[in-house]
């Protein structure tokens, strides 16, 4: 990423939480939301491409990835992540945004767009479909269960110990399993591990709370606002070789959608990180979705 990248911190909400984020360019804002185990710099190719296309690109450190800013007493749930996103949009005083999300970033985006769809000009999600098929497959499909070994481990009482073992070697293993080629330098891998070293006992709660109705009653009004149908232009991108969430699992989910303007792209020669493995193709597909009215 070029030296034009800016790093910023802003107040997130009235509870004095803050969020760190990086940004580049000027124009219509696109928010990029990273997943697990990752960081905002995963979108380097998108930052360069879309800033050159005349957009302002912004990527926050998600809850659990910025120790100084987030209140660790709050459970990390999809609902909390969605409210975090809405708070972030408000904190930056943005009237309308495009959102591009990957992995756990999708959980935030799916929740927020159902609460306040009028804030979204478009939504692109990568590697995690909307709907219940993943839960069903985790319960019933032994092939998906095998691919999701980390999911069950990080739901267990030994999650923090397991992820920290041997200098956070699980992060090495997951990146190796979820990529078809060497797209991550050792230097970047160590930066991601450094983020986890600061806060891993909180960060693993992404999985501990994944299917639990564990949220603050203060968030209940947001839950009640969720729309059953969303007319925002929506693009789902998934790697054909995804070893995290299998293509067959996504296929079962395609008919279950709340989006009335939905398109789907299956990316060949891409695993769980299509925005890195096939960045040129993915950037063009995202650009098309940004331009749908």
Protein backbone atom coordinates (compact mmCIF):
# COMPACT_ATOMS: atom_id res chain seq x y z
CA UNK A 1 0.00 0.00 0.00
CA UNK A 2 1.31 3.44 -0.89
CA UNK A 3 2.40 6.18 1.47
CA UNK A 4 -0.85 8.04 0.75
CA UNK A 5 -2.68 5.72 3.16
CA UNK A 6 -3.81 7.63 6.23
CA UNK A 7 -4.28 6.11 9.68
CA UNK A 8 -6.94 7.64 11.92
CA UNK A 9 -8.80 7.12 15.18
CA UNK A 10 -12.35 8.34 15.80
CA UNK A 11 -14.83 8.19 18.66
CA UNK A 12 -17.30 5.40 17.91
CA UNK A 13 -20.20 6.06 20.28
CA UNK A 14 -21.36 7.80 23.44
CA UNK A 15 -19.74 5.08 25.53
CA UNK A 16 -16.30 6.46 24.63
CA UNK A 17 -15.31 3.50 22.47
CA UNK A 18 -12.95 4.41 19.65
CA UNK A 19 -12.03 2.74 16.36
CA UNK A 20 -8.82 2.85 14.39
CA UNK A 21 -9.11 2.91 10.61
CA UNK A 22 -7.11 3.50 7.46
CA UNK A 23 -8.27 5.51 4.46
CA UNK A 24 -7.20 6.70 1.05
CA UNK A 25 -8.59 8.90 -1.71
CA UNK A 26 -11.58 11.19 -2.08
CA UNK A 27 -15.08 10.72 -3.44
CA UNK A 28 -17.97 8.38 -2.70
CA UNK A 29 -17.02 6.34 0.38
CA UNK A 30 -16.49 2.58 0.27
CA UNK A 31 -16.09 0.83 3.62
CA UNK A 32 -14.03 -2.37 3.60
CA UNK A 33 -14.60 -4.80 6.50
CA UNK A 34 -12.02 -7.51 7.15
CA UNK A 35 -12.55 -10.94 8.66
CA UNK A 36 -10.67 -13.55 10.69
CA UNK A 37 -7.71 -13.87 11.07
CA UNK A 38 -6.90 -10.70 9.18
CA UNK A 39 -6.50 -6.92 9.26
CA UNK A 40 -7.55 -3.91 7.15
CA UNK A 41 -4.41 -4.04 5.00
CA UNK A 42 -5.79 -7.21 3.40
CA UNK A 43 -7.58 -4.84 1.00
CA UNK A 44 -4.36 -3.28 -0.39
CA UNK A 45 -5.26 -4.08 -4.00
CA UNK A 46 -8.76 -2.65 -3.54
CA UNK A 47 -7.42 0.53 -1.88
CA UNK A 48 -5.18 1.24 -4.85
CA UNK A 49 -7.75 0.37 -7.50
CA UNK A 50 -10.80 2.14 -6.09
CA UNK A 51 -8.98 5.28 -4.95
CA UNK A 52 -7.75 5.59 -8.54
CA UNK A 53 -11.37 5.20 -9.70
CA UNK A 54 -12.33 8.28 -7.67
CA UNK A 55 -13.65 6.69 -4.47
CA UNK A 56 -12.68 7.27 -0.87
CA UNK A 57 -11.73 3.89 0.60
CA UNK A 58 -11.94 3.31 4.35
CA UNK A 59 -11.18 0.17 6.38
CA UNK A 60 -11.65 -0.05 10.17
CA UNK A 61 -10.05 -2.49 12.54
CA UNK A 62 -12.99 -4.65 13.52
CA UNK A 63 -14.02 -5.22 17.15
CA UNK A 64 -11.39 -7.34 18.87
CA UNK A 65 -8.60 -6.17 16.57
CA UNK A 66 -7.94 -2.80 18.24
CA UNK A 67 -7.35 -3.33 21.94
CA UNK A 68 -7.28 0.32 23.01
CA UNK A 69 -10.63 1.28 21.57
CA UNK A 70 -13.26 -1.38 22.20
CA UNK A 71 -15.01 -2.28 25.45
CA UNK A 72 -14.16 -5.94 26.02
CA UNK A 73 -17.19 -6.41 28.28
CA UNK A 74 -19.42 -6.32 25.19
CA UNK A 75 -19.96 -9.76 23.62
CA UNK A 76 -18.82 -9.96 20.02
CA UNK A 77 -21.99 -10.96 18.15
CA UNK A 78 -23.30 -10.32 14.64
CA UNK A 79 -25.73 -7.81 16.14
CA UNK A 80 -22.95 -5.95 17.97
CA UNK A 81 -20.80 -5.91 14.82
CA UNK A 82 -23.70 -4.49 12.82
CA UNK A 83 -24.26 -1.74 15.38
CA UNK A 84 -20.52 -1.04 15.35
CA UNK A 85 -20.74 -0.49 11.60
CA UNK A 86 -23.71 1.86 11.92
CA UNK A 87 -21.92 3.77 14.67
CA UNK A 88 -18.81 4.03 12.50
CA UNK A 89 -20.80 5.43 9.57
CA UNK A 90 -22.38 7.98 11.91
CA UNK A 91 -19.03 8.87 13.48
CA UNK A 92 -17.57 9.68 10.06
CA UNK A 93 -20.74 11.70 9.25
CA UNK A 94 -21.35 9.73 6.05
CA UNK A 95 -24.82 10.01 4.55
CA UNK A 96 -24.56 6.94 2.34
CA UNK A 97 -21.87 4.30 1.78
CA UNK A 98 -20.88 1.35 -0.32
CA UNK A 99 -19.76 -1.60 1.81
CA UNK A 100 -17.42 -4.41 0.79
CA UNK A 101 -17.02 -7.14 3.40
CA UNK A 102 -15.06 -10.36 3.75
CA UNK A 103 -15.52 -13.29 6.13
CA UNK A 104 -16.65 -11.99 9.57
CA UNK A 105 -16.97 -8.53 8.07
CA UNK A 106 -19.98 -9.97 6.24
CA UNK A 107 -21.73 -10.63 9.55
CA UNK A 108 -21.45 -6.92 10.37
CA UNK A 109 -22.64 -5.90 6.92
CA UNK A 110 -25.60 -8.29 6.76
CA UNK A 111 -26.83 -7.09 10.14
CA UNK A 112 -26.35 -3.37 9.47
CA UNK A 113 -28.01 -3.40 6.05
CA UNK A 114 -31.11 -5.02 7.56
CA UNK A 115 -31.26 -2.36 10.30
CA UNK A 116 -30.61 0.73 8.14
CA UNK A 117 -30.78 -0.20 4.44
CA UNK A 118 -31.15 3.46 3.44
CA UNK A 119 -27.51 4.06 4.42
CA UNK A 120 -26.22 1.58 1.82
CA UNK A 121 -25.61 2.46 -1.82
CA UNK A 122 -24.46 -1.11 -2.46
CA UNK A 123 -23.22 -4.18 -0.61
CA UNK A 124 -20.61 -6.71 -1.71
CA UNK A 125 -19.86 -9.73 0.50
CA UNK A 126 -17.10 -12.24 -0.06
CA UNK A 127 -16.70 -15.82 1.15
CA UNK A 128 -19.66 -15.90 3.55
CA UNK A 129 -23.23 -16.25 2.21
CA UNK A 130 -26.34 -14.81 3.82
CA UNK A 131 -28.71 -17.30 5.42
CA UNK A 132 -28.89 -20.46 7.50
CA UNK A 133 -27.20 -22.98 5.21
CA UNK A 134 -23.83 -22.66 6.95
CA UNK A 135 -25.39 -23.49 10.31
CA UNK A 136 -27.24 -26.45 8.77
CA UNK A 137 -24.07 -27.75 7.12
CA UNK A 138 -22.06 -27.37 10.33
CA UNK A 139 -24.66 -29.54 12.04
CA UNK A 140 -25.23 -32.16 9.36
CA UNK A 141 -22.52 -32.25 6.68
CA UNK A 142 -19.41 -34.14 7.74
CA UNK A 143 -17.36 -32.68 4.86
CA UNK A 144 -18.12 -29.10 5.93
CA UNK A 145 -17.57 -30.13 9.56
CA UNK A 146 -14.08 -31.34 8.68
CA UNK A 147 -13.27 -28.06 6.93
CA UNK A 148 -14.63 -26.15 9.94
CA UNK A 149 -12.52 -27.88 12.62
CA UNK A 150 -11.30 -24.46 13.80
CA UNK A 151 -14.92 -23.32 14.28
CA UNK A 152 -15.62 -26.04 16.80
CA UNK A 153 -12.24 -25.62 18.50
CA UNK A 154 -12.71 -21.86 18.92
CA UNK A 155 -16.18 -22.50 20.36
CA UNK A 156 -14.63 -24.59 23.12
CA UNK A 157 -13.24 -23.77 26.56
CA UNK A 158 -9.68 -24.18 25.26
CA UNK A 159 -10.07 -21.63 22.44
CA UNK A 160 -7.68 -18.99 23.81
CA UNK A 161 -5.03 -21.55 24.72
CA UNK A 162 -5.31 -23.24 21.35
CA UNK A 163 -4.97 -20.13 19.22
CA UNK A 164 -2.02 -18.80 21.24
CA UNK A 165 -0.11 -22.11 21.17
CA UNK A 166 3.30 -22.18 19.46
CA UNK A 167 3.38 -18.47 18.62
CA UNK A 168 -0.18 -18.45 17.26
CA UNK A 169 0.61 -21.21 14.79
CA UNK A 170 -3.10 -21.75 14.13
CA UNK A 171 -3.07 -18.49 12.16
CA UNK A 172 -0.31 -19.90 9.91
CA UNK A 173 -2.32 -23.08 9.41
CA UNK A 174 -5.55 -21.29 8.52
CA UNK A 175 -3.89 -18.98 6.00
CA UNK A 176 -2.15 -21.97 4.44
CA UNK A 177 -5.41 -23.93 4.21
CA UNK A 178 -7.44 -21.00 2.90
CA UNK A 179 -5.16 -19.84 0.09
CA UNK A 180 -4.15 -21.55 -3.12
CA UNK A 181 -0.86 -19.71 -3.39
CA UNK A 182 1.61 -17.78 -1.29
CA UNK A 183 -0.15 -14.41 -1.07
CA UNK A 184 0.92 -13.48 2.45
CA UNK A 185 4.45 -12.40 3.29
CA UNK A 186 6.00 -13.50 6.56
CA UNK A 187 6.16 -9.85 7.60
CA UNK A 188 2.41 -9.37 7.11
CA UNK A 189 1.68 -12.65 8.89
CA UNK A 190 3.67 -11.45 11.89
CA UNK A 191 1.73 -8.15 11.91
CA UNK A 192 -1.54 -10.09 12.05
CA UNK A 193 -0.18 -12.24 14.88
CA UNK A 194 0.88 -9.10 16.77
CA UNK A 195 -2.73 -7.89 16.65
CA UNK A 196 -3.89 -11.20 18.13
CA UNK A 197 -1.22 -11.18 20.83
CA UNK A 198 -2.71 -7.96 22.17
CA UNK A 199 -6.28 -9.18 22.42
CA UNK A 200 -6.74 -12.85 21.53
CA UNK A 201 -8.86 -13.80 24.55
CA UNK A 202 -11.48 -11.30 23.40
CA UNK A 203 -11.09 -11.93 19.67
CA UNK A 204 -11.82 -15.66 19.92
CA UNK A 205 -15.28 -14.79 21.24
CA UNK A 206 -16.33 -14.23 17.62
CA UNK A 207 -16.76 -18.00 17.53
CA UNK A 208 -17.93 -18.54 21.09
CA UNK A 209 -20.91 -16.27 20.40
CA UNK A 210 -21.48 -17.26 16.78
CA UNK A 211 -24.78 -19.06 17.33
CA UNK A 212 -25.67 -17.76 20.77
CA UNK A 213 -28.37 -15.17 21.53
CA UNK A 214 -25.86 -13.40 23.73
CA UNK A 215 -26.23 -9.65 23.38
CA UNK A 216 -26.92 -6.62 25.52
CA UNK A 217 -30.57 -5.69 25.99
CA UNK A 218 -29.52 -2.20 24.91
CA UNK A 219 -29.28 -3.61 21.38
CA UNK A 220 -32.82 -5.00 21.35
CA UNK A 221 -34.30 -1.96 19.51
CA UNK A 222 -31.88 -2.63 16.63
CA UNK A 223 -33.00 -6.25 16.46
CA UNK A 224 -36.62 -5.13 16.18
CA UNK A 225 -35.76 -2.81 13.27
CA UNK A 226 -34.38 -5.53 11.01
CA UNK A 227 -35.96 -5.62 7.55
CA UNK A 228 -37.17 -8.89 6.04
CA UNK A 229 -36.41 -7.67 2.53
CA UNK A 230 -33.58 -5.42 1.30
CA UNK A 231 -33.51 -3.63 -2.07
CA UNK A 232 -29.84 -2.59 -1.90
CA UNK A 233 -27.75 -3.85 -4.87
CA UNK A 234 -26.04 -6.95 -3.49
CA UNK A 235 -23.15 -8.97 -4.89
CA UNK A 236 -21.92 -12.24 -3.38
CA UNK A 237 -18.41 -13.34 -4.40
CA UNK A 238 -17.07 -16.78 -3.53
CA UNK A 239 -13.92 -18.67 -4.46
CA UNK A 240 -14.58 -21.91 -6.29
CA UNK A 241 -11.82 -23.59 -4.26
CA UNK A 242 -12.82 -22.14 -0.88
CA UNK A 243 -11.58 -24.58 1.77
CA UNK A 244 -13.24 -22.69 4.62
CA UNK A 245 -16.86 -22.48 3.49
CA UNK A 246 -17.30 -24.99 0.70
CA UNK A 247 -18.83 -23.97 -2.60
CA UNK A 248 -21.52 -26.62 -2.11
CA UNK A 249 -22.57 -24.93 1.14
CA UNK A 250 -22.90 -21.58 -0.62
CA UNK A 251 -24.89 -23.16 -3.43
CA UNK A 252 -27.49 -24.40 -0.94
CA UNK A 253 -27.80 -20.86 0.38
CA UNK A 254 -28.39 -19.02 -2.88
CA UNK A 255 -32.14 -19.54 -2.86
CA UNK A 256 -32.38 -18.21 0.68
CA UNK A 257 -31.95 -14.47 0.40
CA UNK A 258 -33.54 -11.25 1.59
CA UNK A 259 -31.94 -9.27 -1.25
CA UNK A 260 -34.17 -8.31 -4.17
CA UNK A 261 -31.21 -7.11 -6.29
CA UNK A 262 -28.74 -9.96 -5.97
CA UNK A 263 -25.90 -11.11 -8.23
CA UNK A 264 -23.44 -13.92 -7.62
CA UNK A 265 -19.91 -14.51 -8.93
CA UNK A 266 -18.00 -17.75 -8.46
CA UNK A 267 -14.28 -17.01 -8.85
CA UNK A 268 -12.10 -19.70 -10.40
CA UNK A 269 -8.63 -20.36 -9.00
CA UNK A 270 -9.55 -18.64 -5.75
CA UNK A 271 -9.80 -20.01 -2.24
CA UNK A 272 -11.12 -18.07 0.80
CA UNK A 273 -9.46 -14.74 -0.10
CA UNK A 274 -10.63 -14.00 -3.67
CA UNK A 275 -9.94 -10.28 -3.26
CA UNK A 276 -6.26 -11.14 -2.87
CA UNK A 277 -5.91 -14.19 -5.11
CA UNK A 278 -7.85 -12.78 -8.07
CA UNK A 279 -7.86 -9.09 -7.24
CA UNK A 280 -8.21 -7.72 -10.79
CA UNK A 281 -11.31 -9.79 -11.55
CA UNK A 282 -12.83 -9.16 -8.13
CA UNK A 283 -12.22 -5.41 -8.36
CA UNK A 284 -14.03 -5.25 -11.69
CA UNK A 285 -17.00 -7.19 -10.33
CA UNK A 286 -17.22 -4.92 -7.29
CA UNK A 287 -17.02 -1.85 -9.54
CA UNK A 288 -20.02 -3.08 -11.54
CA UNK A 289 -22.02 -3.51 -8.33
CA UNK A 290 -21.08 0.00 -7.16
CA UNK A 291 -22.60 1.43 -10.32
CA UNK A 292 -25.99 -0.31 -10.07
CA UNK A 293 -28.78 2.08 -9.13
